[in-house]
Amino acid sequence: MGKTNRSANDAISGFGVMMHNAAMKVTIYEADTPIGEAEIFALDPPMGVAMAKFKSLSAYDVERHANVVDGDYIEDRGRGLRIEMSDGVPLISQAISIQAWPALGEHEVHILGILQPSFETLFCEHPDFKSHWGKP
């Protein structure tokens, strides 16, 4: 996905509810370069956090992008990162944290404090959201 001309404030026509029982896919960028793709698998609704399995792309560098390596916090390296949903709409959050376990070949990205589109708009049909809010 390339850079879009959409802003987070644009009306999202035809957006609908993206999250039913299937995982939402996103792309993580450093500036305009995609560094990875992720599929959201779990939520922490009261914190507005989504966790996703991260698949690195060739531009990904654990030394430059990962906040946590093999369980050790390194530093906040998510400031220069951004996320787009599969339709090119930006997903605006307070922080992006890539967590890497190179020895295991595992990576996750935690999207913290999701602001736009709203957490409820994105995930109202997700089982974790429904469970937290006591909805069937």
Protein backbone atom coordinates (compact mmCIF):
# COMPACT_ATOMS: atom_id res chain seq x y z
CA MET A 1 0.00 0.00 0.00
CA GLY A 2 1.30 3.40 -0.87
CA LYS A 3 0.69 6.68 0.79
CA THR A 4 -2.91 7.78 0.69
CA ASN A 5 -4.31 11.27 0.43
CA ARG A 6 -6.92 10.50 3.08
CA SER A 7 -6.82 12.17 6.43
CA ALA A 8 -8.02 10.65 9.67
CA ASN A 9 -10.83 13.22 9.67
CA ASP A 10 -12.24 12.23 6.28
CA ALA A 11 -15.62 10.60 6.30
CA ILE A 12 -15.17 6.87 5.95
CA SER A 13 -17.77 5.97 3.38
CA GLY A 14 -18.62 2.32 3.11
CA PHE A 15 -16.35 1.54 6.06
CA GLY A 16 -18.94 -0.52 7.95
CA VAL A 17 -17.89 -2.74 10.77
CA MET A 18 -14.51 -4.21 9.89
CA MET A 19 -14.23 -6.60 12.77
CA HIS A 20 -16.65 -9.46 12.99
CA ASN A 21 -15.21 -12.81 13.94
CA ALA A 22 -12.38 -12.50 11.45
CA ALA A 23 -9.12 -10.79 12.29
CA MET A 24 -8.46 -7.28 11.02
CA LYS A 25 -5.33 -6.86 8.90
CA VAL A 26 -3.16 -3.74 9.04
CA THR A 27 0.15 -2.57 7.62
CA ILE A 28 2.80 -0.84 9.73
CA TYR A 29 4.91 1.87 8.07
CA GLU A 30 8.01 3.84 8.91
CA ALA A 31 7.32 7.07 6.98
CA ASP A 32 6.11 5.71 3.61
CA THR A 33 7.97 2.39 3.80
CA PRO A 34 6.01 -0.68 4.89
CA ILE A 35 7.94 -2.59 7.55
CA GLY A 36 5.35 -5.23 8.38
CA GLU A 37 1.86 -6.57 8.22
CA ALA A 38 -0.22 -7.61 11.19
CA GLU A 39 -3.41 -9.46 11.96
CA ILE A 40 -5.26 -8.42 15.11
CA PHE A 41 -6.13 -11.42 17.26
CA ALA A 42 -6.94 -10.05 20.73
CA LEU A 43 -8.21 -6.91 22.46
CA ASP A 44 -8.02 -5.21 25.83
CA PRO A 45 -11.23 -3.11 25.55
CA PRO A 46 -10.94 -0.99 28.72
CA MET A 47 -7.43 0.09 27.68
CA GLY A 48 -8.25 0.57 23.98
CA VAL A 49 -5.48 -1.85 23.03
CA ALA A 50 -5.31 -4.36 20.18
CA MET A 51 -2.69 -7.10 19.88
CA ALA A 52 -1.67 -8.47 16.50
CA LYS A 53 0.63 -11.10 15.06
CA PHE A 54 3.33 -9.19 13.19
CA LYS A 55 4.89 -10.42 9.94
CA SER A 56 8.00 -8.42 9.13
CA LEU A 57 8.80 -7.20 5.63
CA SER A 58 12.26 -6.58 4.18
CA ALA A 59 12.51 -3.00 5.57
CA TYR A 60 11.92 -4.18 9.16
CA ASP A 61 14.94 -3.97 11.46
CA VAL A 62 14.59 -5.33 14.99
CA GLU A 63 17.32 -2.93 16.17
CA ARG A 64 15.43 0.09 14.82
CA HIS A 65 11.77 -0.88 15.24
CA ALA A 66 11.23 -3.25 18.20
CA ASN A 67 10.42 -1.83 21.64
CA VAL A 68 10.81 -5.21 23.33
CA VAL A 69 13.34 -7.88 22.29
CA ASP A 70 13.22 -11.35 23.86
CA GLY A 71 11.14 -9.96 26.73
CA ASP A 72 13.48 -7.04 27.52
CA TYR A 73 12.21 -3.48 27.09
CA ILE A 74 14.71 -1.59 24.92
CA GLU A 75 13.10 1.82 24.33
CA ASP A 76 10.10 3.45 22.65
CA ARG A 77 10.82 2.94 18.97
CA GLY A 78 7.25 3.36 17.77
CA ARG A 79 7.22 7.16 17.48
CA GLY A 80 8.12 7.12 13.78
CA LEU A 81 5.66 4.37 12.90
CA ARG A 82 2.12 4.58 11.56
CA ILE A 83 -0.61 2.09 10.72
CA GLU A 84 -3.03 1.79 7.84
CA MET A 85 -5.96 -0.58 7.62
CA SER A 86 -6.35 -2.77 4.55
CA ASP A 87 -8.50 -0.12 2.81
CA GLY A 88 -5.81 2.57 3.28
CA VAL A 89 -7.58 4.35 6.15
CA PRO A 90 -5.13 5.44 8.87
CA LEU A 91 -5.53 3.81 12.27
CA ILE A 92 -4.58 6.54 14.75
CA SER A 93 -3.34 5.44 18.17
CA GLN A 94 -1.37 6.81 21.09
CA ALA A 95 1.48 4.31 20.64
CA ILE A 96 2.71 1.39 18.55
CA SER A 97 4.88 -1.23 20.22
CA ILE A 98 6.58 -4.02 18.29
CA GLN A 99 7.58 -6.93 20.48
CA ALA A 100 10.10 -9.34 19.00
CA TRP A 101 11.34 -12.77 20.04
CA PRO A 102 13.93 -13.42 17.30
CA ALA A 103 15.08 -16.69 18.88
CA LEU A 104 11.52 -18.00 18.57
CA GLY A 105 10.78 -16.35 15.24
CA GLU A 106 7.77 -14.61 16.83
CA HIS A 107 6.68 -10.97 16.60
CA GLU A 108 3.68 -9.05 17.88
CA VAL A 109 2.56 -5.47 17.59
CA HIS A 110 0.52 -3.82 20.33
CA ILE A 111 -1.59 -0.87 19.22
CA LEU A 112 -2.16 1.22 22.34
CA GLY A 113 -4.91 3.76 22.89
CA ILE A 114 -6.75 3.48 19.58
CA LEU A 115 -8.33 6.86 18.82
CA GLN A 116 -9.51 6.91 15.18
CA PRO A 117 -11.57 5.24 13.94
CA SER A 118 -12.95 4.72 17.40
CA PHE A 119 -12.19 1.48 19.21
CA GLU A 120 -15.93 0.73 19.37
CA THR A 121 -16.40 1.36 15.65
CA LEU A 122 -13.57 -1.01 14.78
CA PHE A 123 -14.25 -3.79 17.24
CA CYS A 124 -17.90 -3.72 18.39
CA GLU A 125 -18.45 -7.21 16.93
CA HIS A 126 -15.21 -8.73 18.27
CA PRO A 127 -15.79 -11.40 20.98
CA ASP A 128 -13.36 -9.69 23.41
CA PHE A 129 -15.25 -6.38 23.06
CA LYS A 130 -18.64 -8.04 23.51
CA SER A 131 -17.44 -10.02 26.51
CA HIS A 132 -16.07 -6.93 28.26
CA TRP A 133 -19.26 -4.93 27.71
CA GLY A 134 -21.54 -7.89 28.51
CA LYS A 135 -23.10 -8.04 25.08
CA PRO A 136 -24.23 -11.31 23.50
